[in-house]
Amino acid sequence: MWFYGFKDRILATPVRVYLNYVVTPASVYDRQMAEELLENTTFPVVQADWGSLNTRL
C-alpha cells in the first residue's frame, strides 16, 4: 500500500531554538537533507539520529 506524505527536518539548539527547517516528501531520505540543514550552521558539534548520518565514513 502506498501513502503520500511529508516529513519535516528541523535543526534546533538543545534549548529548542529552531535554526533551520526543511519540508520534503516522505520519500526523500533524511541523509539527503542533512547537508542542506547544516549548510550555514556555525555549531562545532551536531547530534543526529542514525538516518541522518553519512554512510560514506
C-alpha atoms as a PDB file:
ATOM      1  CA  MET A   1       0.000   0.000   0.000  1.00  0.00           C
ATOM      2  CA  TRP A   2       1.350   3.445  -0.902  1.00  0.00           C
ATOM      3  CA  PHE A   3       0.897   6.662   1.038  1.00  0.00           C
ATOM      4  CA  TYR A   4       1.812  10.207   0.124  1.00  0.00           C
ATOM      5  CA  GLY A   5       3.058  12.318   2.984  1.00  0.00           C
ATOM      6  CA  PHE A   6       5.562  14.885   4.150  1.00  0.00           C
ATOM      7  CA  LYS A   7       8.491  14.954   6.546  1.00  0.00           C
ATOM      8  CA  ASP A   8       9.894  17.936   8.336  1.00  0.00           C
ATOM      9  CA  ARG A   9      13.549  18.097   9.271  1.00  0.00           C
ATOM     10  CA  ILE A  10      14.455  20.595  11.955  1.00  0.00           C
ATOM     11  CA  LEU A  11      17.810  21.945  13.123  1.00  0.00           C
ATOM     12  CA  ALA A  12      17.457  23.202  16.690  1.00  0.00           C
ATOM     13  CA  THR A  13      19.612  24.067  19.677  1.00  0.00           C
ATOM     14  CA  PRO A  14      19.423  21.976  22.885  1.00  0.00           C
ATOM     15  CA  VAL A  15      17.065  24.586  24.360  1.00  0.00           C
ATOM     16  CA  ARG A  16      14.704  24.229  21.362  1.00  0.00           C
ATOM     17  CA  VAL A  17      15.562  27.349  19.412  1.00  0.00           C
ATOM     18  CA  TYR A  18      14.845  26.474  15.785  1.00  0.00           C
ATOM     19  CA  LEU A  19      17.651  27.442  13.414  1.00  0.00           C
ATOM     20  CA  ASN A  20      16.558  25.892  10.126  1.00  0.00           C
ATOM     21  CA  TYR A  21      13.927  23.544   8.736  1.00  0.00           C
ATOM     22  CA  VAL A  22      13.097  21.722   5.515  1.00  0.00           C
ATOM     23  CA  VAL A  23       9.789  20.129   4.487  1.00  0.00           C
ATOM     24  CA  THR A  24      10.050  17.386   1.860  1.00  0.00           C
ATOM     25  CA  PRO A  25       8.011  14.497   0.506  1.00  0.00           C
ATOM     26  CA  ALA A  26       8.257  11.472   2.802  1.00  0.00           C
ATOM     27  CA  SER A  27      10.149   9.542   0.116  1.00  0.00           C
ATOM     28  CA  VAL A  28      13.266  11.737   0.495  1.00  0.00           C
ATOM     29  CA  TYR A  29      15.880  10.138   2.755  1.00  0.00           C
ATOM     30  CA  ASP A  30      16.989  12.030   5.883  1.00  0.00           C
ATOM     31  CA  ARG A  31      20.611  11.705   4.812  1.00  0.00           C
ATOM     32  CA  GLN A  32      19.922  13.692   1.628  1.00  0.00           C
ATOM     33  CA  MET A  33      18.619  16.700   3.559  1.00  0.00           C
ATOM     34  CA  ALA A  34      21.204  16.739   6.375  1.00  0.00           C
ATOM     35  CA  GLU A  35      23.721  18.720   4.311  1.00  0.00           C
ATOM     36  CA  GLU A  36      21.145  21.355   3.407  1.00  0.00           C
ATOM     37  CA  LEU A  37      20.149  21.791   7.051  1.00  0.00           C
ATOM     38  CA  LEU A  38      23.748  22.097   8.211  1.00  0.00           C
ATOM     39  CA  GLU A  39      24.874  24.356   5.367  1.00  0.00           C
ATOM     40  CA  ASN A  40      25.034  27.636   7.322  1.00  0.00           C
ATOM     41  CA  THR A  41      25.393  26.420  10.898  1.00  0.00           C
ATOM     42  CA  THR A  42      28.326  27.546  12.997  1.00  0.00           C
ATOM     43  CA  PHE A  43      27.905  24.917  15.718  1.00  0.00           C
ATOM     44  CA  PRO A  44      31.007  22.710  16.123  1.00  0.00           C
ATOM     45  CA  VAL A  45      29.027  19.652  17.311  1.00  0.00           C
ATOM     46  CA  VAL A  46      25.803  18.285  15.840  1.00  0.00           C
ATOM     47  CA  GLN A  47      23.716  15.454  17.257  1.00  0.00           C
ATOM     48  CA  ALA A  48      21.668  13.428  14.774  1.00  0.00           C
ATOM     49  CA  ASP A  49      19.825  10.154  14.541  1.00  0.00           C
ATOM     50  CA  TRP A  50      21.174   7.177  12.579  1.00  0.00           C
ATOM     51  CA  GLY A  51      19.169   8.005   9.425  1.00  0.00           C
ATOM     52  CA  SER A  52      20.913  11.370   9.050  1.00  0.00           C
ATOM     53  CA  LEU A  53      24.470  10.067   9.280  1.00  0.00           C
ATOM     54  CA  ASN A  54      26.682   9.898   6.232  1.00  0.00           C
ATOM     55  CA  THR A  55      27.312   6.236   5.338  1.00  0.00           C
ATOM     56  CA  ARG A  56      30.495   7.077   3.375  1.00  0.00           C
ATOM     57  CA  LEU A  57      32.612   7.460   6.537  1.00  0.00           C
END
